[in-house]
Amino acid sequence: MPLPPRPVLDPDEMVPAKTLCRRVRAFANALLNLDHHIHRMARWRAQRAAQSKLPWKERTLRRLSPIRPGVPPGYRERPKTLVGETLKDCHILALDALNSS
């Protein structure tokens, strides 16, 4: 069954920004609770360091990185909007910060 055609949108028409608002709200929440997230990251690193000393079969840590694998949601190689460009830059900064520490 073929997909229905995409509706033609007027460039001046308002569009819902629910997903972008959720991302901004999550980012703001993370910044407001920075101490909590710093301690959470420190606990994760301590657990990972302790797990690395165990034999392979006894390790239980599931995550290899605190950042989810793959590209972020909405990622495009060449973003079409300033928001997409900003999200791409934030992801690059997060990966850089993770690799430099």
N, C-alpha and C. Protein backbone atom coordinates (compact mmCIF):
# COMPACT_ATOMS: atom_id res chain seq x y z
N MET A 1 0.85 -1.18 0.00
CA MET A 1 0.00 0.00 0.00
C MET A 1 0.89 1.24 0.00
N PRO A 2 0.77 2.12 -0.98
CA PRO A 2 1.62 3.30 -1.03
C PRO A 2 1.26 4.30 0.06
N LEU A 3 2.28 5.07 0.45
CA LEU A 3 2.07 6.10 1.47
C LEU A 3 1.28 7.26 0.87
N PRO A 4 0.45 7.90 1.69
CA PRO A 4 -0.28 9.08 1.17
C PRO A 4 0.71 10.21 0.90
N PRO A 5 0.42 11.07 -0.05
CA PRO A 5 1.34 12.17 -0.33
C PRO A 5 1.42 13.15 0.84
N ARG A 6 2.59 13.74 0.99
CA ARG A 6 2.76 14.72 2.06
C ARG A 6 1.94 15.96 1.75
N PRO A 7 1.34 16.56 2.77
CA PRO A 7 0.56 17.78 2.52
C PRO A 7 1.50 18.93 2.18
N VAL A 8 1.05 19.78 1.31
CA VAL A 8 1.82 20.96 0.93
C VAL A 8 1.56 22.03 1.99
N LEU A 9 2.63 22.48 2.63
CA LEU A 9 2.50 23.47 3.71
C LEU A 9 2.86 24.86 3.19
N ASP A 10 2.13 25.81 3.66
CA ASP A 10 2.42 27.21 3.36
C ASP A 10 3.64 27.62 4.19
N PRO A 11 4.67 28.21 3.58
CA PRO A 11 5.86 28.59 4.34
C PRO A 11 5.59 29.56 5.48
N ASP A 12 4.52 30.34 5.38
CA ASP A 12 4.20 31.30 6.43
C ASP A 12 3.27 30.74 7.50
N GLU A 13 2.86 29.49 7.32
CA GLU A 13 1.93 28.87 8.26
C GLU A 13 2.67 28.45 9.54
N MET A 14 2.01 28.60 10.66
CA MET A 14 2.58 28.18 11.94
C MET A 14 2.60 26.65 12.00
N VAL A 15 3.67 26.09 12.54
CA VAL A 15 3.78 24.64 12.69
C VAL A 15 4.01 24.32 14.16
N PRO A 16 3.60 23.13 14.60
CA PRO A 16 3.81 22.79 16.01
C PRO A 16 5.29 22.58 16.29
N ALA A 17 5.73 23.04 17.43
CA ALA A 17 7.13 22.90 17.82
C ALA A 17 7.24 22.08 19.10
N LYS A 18 6.34 21.10 19.26
CA LYS A 18 6.29 20.32 20.48
C LYS A 18 7.60 19.58 20.75
N THR A 19 8.17 18.94 19.72
CA THR A 19 9.39 18.16 19.95
C THR A 19 10.57 19.08 20.27
N LEU A 20 10.65 20.21 19.60
CA LEU A 20 11.73 21.15 19.91
C LEU A 20 11.58 21.70 21.32
N CYS A 21 10.35 22.00 21.72
CA CYS A 21 10.11 22.50 23.08
C CYS A 21 10.51 21.45 24.12
N ARG A 22 10.24 20.18 23.83
CA ARG A 22 10.64 19.11 24.76
C ARG A 22 12.16 19.06 24.90
N ARG A 23 12.87 19.20 23.80
CA ARG A 23 14.34 19.17 23.85
C ARG A 23 14.87 20.36 24.65
N VAL A 24 14.31 21.52 24.40
CA VAL A 24 14.76 22.72 25.12
C VAL A 24 14.46 22.56 26.61
N ARG A 25 13.30 22.04 26.94
CA ARG A 25 12.92 21.83 28.34
C ARG A 25 13.85 20.82 29.01
N ALA A 26 14.19 19.74 28.31
CA ALA A 26 15.10 18.74 28.86
C ALA A 26 16.49 19.33 29.07
N PHE A 27 16.94 20.14 28.11
CA PHE A 27 18.24 20.78 28.23
C PHE A 27 18.26 21.75 29.41
N ALA A 28 17.22 22.54 29.54
CA ALA A 28 17.12 23.49 30.66
C ALA A 28 17.08 22.74 31.99
N ASN A 29 16.34 21.63 32.05
CA ASN A 29 16.27 20.83 33.26
C ASN A 29 17.64 20.28 33.61
N ALA A 30 18.39 19.82 32.61
CA ALA A 30 19.74 19.30 32.86
C ALA A 30 20.65 20.39 33.41
N LEU A 31 20.54 21.60 32.86
CA LEU A 31 21.37 22.70 33.34
C LEU A 31 20.99 23.13 34.76
N LEU A 32 19.71 23.05 35.08
CA LEU A 32 19.27 23.42 36.43
C LEU A 32 19.69 22.39 37.46
N ASN A 33 19.87 21.14 37.04
CA ASN A 33 20.26 20.05 37.94
C ASN A 33 21.67 19.56 37.63
N LEU A 34 22.56 20.49 37.35
CA LEU A 34 23.90 20.13 36.92
C LEU A 34 24.65 19.33 37.97
N ASP A 35 24.53 19.69 39.25
CA ASP A 35 25.23 18.93 40.30
C ASP A 35 24.79 17.46 40.32
N HIS A 36 23.50 17.24 40.16
CA HIS A 36 22.99 15.87 40.13
C HIS A 36 23.62 15.08 38.98
N HIS A 37 23.69 15.71 37.81
CA HIS A 37 24.22 15.02 36.64
C HIS A 37 25.73 14.83 36.73
N ILE A 38 26.43 15.73 37.39
CA ILE A 38 27.86 15.56 37.62
C ILE A 38 28.10 14.35 38.50
N HIS A 39 27.34 14.22 39.57
CA HIS A 39 27.48 13.06 40.47
C HIS A 39 27.09 11.76 39.77
N ARG A 40 26.06 11.82 38.95
CA ARG A 40 25.63 10.63 38.20
C ARG A 40 26.73 10.18 37.25
N MET A 41 27.37 11.12 36.57
CA MET A 41 28.47 10.79 35.66
C MET A 41 29.65 10.22 36.42
N ALA A 42 29.95 10.79 37.58
CA ALA A 42 31.06 10.28 38.39
C ALA A 42 30.78 8.86 38.86
N ARG A 43 29.53 8.58 39.26
CA ARG A 43 29.17 7.21 39.67
C ARG A 43 29.32 6.24 38.50
N TRP A 44 28.87 6.67 37.31
CA TRP A 44 28.96 5.81 36.14
C TRP A 44 30.42 5.50 35.83
N ARG A 45 31.28 6.52 35.89
CA ARG A 45 32.72 6.30 35.62
C ARG A 45 33.35 5.39 36.67
N ALA A 46 32.99 5.57 37.94
CA ALA A 46 33.54 4.71 38.99
C ALA A 46 33.09 3.26 38.79
N GLN A 47 31.83 3.07 38.43
CA GLN A 47 31.34 1.71 38.17
C GLN A 47 32.06 1.09 36.98
N ARG A 48 32.26 1.88 35.95
CA ARG A 48 32.95 1.37 34.77
C ARG A 48 34.39 1.02 35.09
N ALA A 49 35.08 1.84 35.89
CA ALA A 49 36.46 1.55 36.28
C ALA A 49 36.52 0.26 37.11
N ALA A 50 35.56 0.10 38.03
CA ALA A 50 35.54 -1.11 38.85
C ALA A 50 35.23 -2.34 38.01
N GLN A 51 34.32 -2.21 37.06
CA GLN A 51 33.96 -3.34 36.19
C GLN A 51 35.13 -3.74 35.30
N SER A 52 35.93 -2.78 34.87
CA SER A 52 37.03 -3.10 33.96
C SER A 52 38.09 -3.96 34.63
N LYS A 53 38.12 -3.97 35.96
CA LYS A 53 39.09 -4.79 36.69
C LYS A 53 38.61 -6.23 36.86
N LEU A 54 37.33 -6.49 36.61
CA LEU A 54 36.78 -7.83 36.75
C LEU A 54 37.03 -8.66 35.50
N PRO A 55 37.03 -10.01 35.65
CA PRO A 55 37.10 -10.85 34.44
C PRO A 55 35.89 -10.58 33.54
N TRP A 56 36.06 -10.80 32.26
CA TRP A 56 35.03 -10.46 31.26
C TRP A 56 33.67 -11.06 31.60
N LYS A 57 33.61 -12.30 32.03
CA LYS A 57 32.33 -12.97 32.29
C LYS A 57 31.60 -12.42 33.50
N GLU A 58 32.30 -11.75 34.39
CA GLU A 58 31.68 -11.23 35.61
C GLU A 58 31.22 -9.78 35.47
N ARG A 59 31.49 -9.15 34.35
CA ARG A 59 31.11 -7.76 34.16
C ARG A 59 29.61 -7.65 33.92
N THR A 60 29.00 -6.65 34.55
CA THR A 60 27.55 -6.47 34.41
C THR A 60 27.18 -5.10 33.85
N LEU A 61 28.15 -4.21 33.69
CA LEU A 61 27.85 -2.88 33.17
C LEU A 61 27.41 -2.99 31.72
N ARG A 62 26.28 -2.42 31.40
CA ARG A 62 25.71 -2.57 30.07
C ARG A 62 26.12 -1.45 29.11
N ARG A 63 26.17 -0.25 29.61
CA ARG A 63 26.47 0.89 28.72
C ARG A 63 27.97 1.10 28.58
N LEU A 64 28.40 1.28 27.33
CA LEU A 64 29.80 1.57 27.06
C LEU A 64 30.08 3.07 27.10
N SER A 65 29.02 3.85 26.95
CA SER A 65 29.17 5.30 26.93
C SER A 65 27.93 5.93 27.56
N PRO A 66 28.08 7.10 28.20
CA PRO A 66 26.90 7.77 28.75
C PRO A 66 26.04 8.40 27.66
N ILE A 67 26.60 8.53 26.46
CA ILE A 67 25.85 9.08 25.33
C ILE A 67 25.30 7.91 24.53
N ARG A 68 24.04 7.99 24.16
CA ARG A 68 23.44 6.88 23.41
C ARG A 68 24.17 6.69 22.08
N PRO A 69 24.25 5.45 21.63
CA PRO A 69 24.99 5.19 20.39
C PRO A 69 24.26 5.75 19.17
N GLY A 70 25.02 6.03 18.14
CA GLY A 70 24.43 6.52 16.90
C GLY A 70 24.30 8.02 16.87
N VAL A 71 23.60 8.47 15.89
CA VAL A 71 23.42 9.91 15.71
C VAL A 71 22.21 10.38 16.52
N PRO A 72 22.17 11.66 16.88
CA PRO A 72 21.04 12.16 17.66
C PRO A 72 19.77 12.21 16.82
N PRO A 73 18.61 12.26 17.47
CA PRO A 73 17.35 12.35 16.73
C PRO A 73 17.31 13.59 15.84
N GLY A 74 16.84 13.43 14.64
CA GLY A 74 16.72 14.55 13.72
C GLY A 74 18.02 14.93 13.04
N TYR A 75 19.06 14.10 13.19
CA TYR A 75 20.37 14.41 12.63
C TYR A 75 20.34 14.42 11.11
N ARG A 76 20.99 15.40 10.54
CA ARG A 76 21.19 15.46 9.08
C ARG A 76 22.63 15.85 8.83
N GLU A 77 23.23 15.25 7.82
CA GLU A 77 24.61 15.59 7.46
C GLU A 77 24.73 17.08 7.13
N ARG A 78 23.77 17.58 6.37
CA ARG A 78 23.71 19.01 6.05
C ARG A 78 22.38 19.56 6.56
N PRO A 79 22.34 20.06 7.80
CA PRO A 79 21.08 20.56 8.36
C PRO A 79 20.47 21.66 7.51
N LYS A 80 19.14 21.64 7.46
CA LYS A 80 18.40 22.63 6.66
C LYS A 80 18.08 23.89 7.46
N THR A 81 18.10 23.78 8.78
CA THR A 81 17.71 24.92 9.61
C THR A 81 18.79 25.23 10.64
N LEU A 82 18.66 26.40 11.25
CA LEU A 82 19.58 26.79 12.31
C LEU A 82 19.46 25.86 13.52
N VAL A 83 18.26 25.39 13.79
CA VAL A 83 18.04 24.46 14.90
C VAL A 83 18.81 23.17 14.64
N GLY A 84 18.73 22.64 13.44
CA GLY A 84 19.45 21.42 13.10
C GLY A 84 20.95 21.62 13.20
N GLU A 85 21.42 22.78 12.78
CA GLU A 85 22.85 23.10 12.89
C GLU A 85 23.29 23.15 14.35
N THR A 86 22.44 23.76 15.19
CA THR A 86 22.75 23.86 16.61
C THR A 86 22.76 22.49 17.27
N LEU A 87 21.79 21.63 16.95
CA LEU A 87 21.76 20.29 17.52
C LEU A 87 22.99 19.50 17.10
N LYS A 88 23.41 19.64 15.85
CA LYS A 88 24.60 18.95 15.37
C LYS A 88 25.83 19.44 16.14
N ASP A 89 25.96 20.75 16.33
CA ASP A 89 27.08 21.31 17.07
C ASP A 89 27.09 20.83 18.52
N CYS A 90 25.94 20.78 19.16
CA CYS A 90 25.84 20.31 20.54
C CYS A 90 26.28 18.85 20.66
N HIS A 91 25.90 18.04 19.70
CA HIS A 91 26.29 16.63 19.72
C HIS A 91 27.81 16.49 19.56
N ILE A 92 28.38 17.27 18.67
CA ILE A 92 29.83 17.23 18.47
C ILE A 92 30.54 17.67 19.74
N LEU A 93 30.04 18.73 20.40
CA LEU A 93 30.64 19.18 21.65
C LEU A 93 30.55 18.13 22.75
N ALA A 94 29.42 17.45 22.83
CA ALA A 94 29.25 16.40 23.84
C ALA A 94 30.23 15.25 23.61
N LEU A 95 30.39 14.83 22.38
CA LEU A 95 31.34 13.76 22.07
C LEU A 95 32.77 14.20 22.34
N ASP A 96 33.08 15.44 22.02
CA ASP A 96 34.42 15.97 22.27
C ASP A 96 34.70 16.02 23.77
N ALA A 97 33.74 16.47 24.56
CA ALA A 97 33.92 16.54 26.00
C ALA A 97 34.08 15.14 26.61
N LEU A 98 33.36 14.18 26.08
CA LEU A 98 33.46 12.81 26.58
C LEU A 98 34.83 12.22 26.26
N ASN A 99 35.33 12.47 25.06
CA ASN A 99 36.62 11.91 24.67
C ASN A 99 37.81 12.61 25.29
N SER A 100 37.65 13.86 25.70
CA SER A 100 38.78 14.60 26.27
C SER A 100 38.95 14.37 27.76
N SER A 101 37.95 13.81 28.40
CA SER A 101 38.07 13.61 29.85
C SER A 101 38.57 12.24 30.20
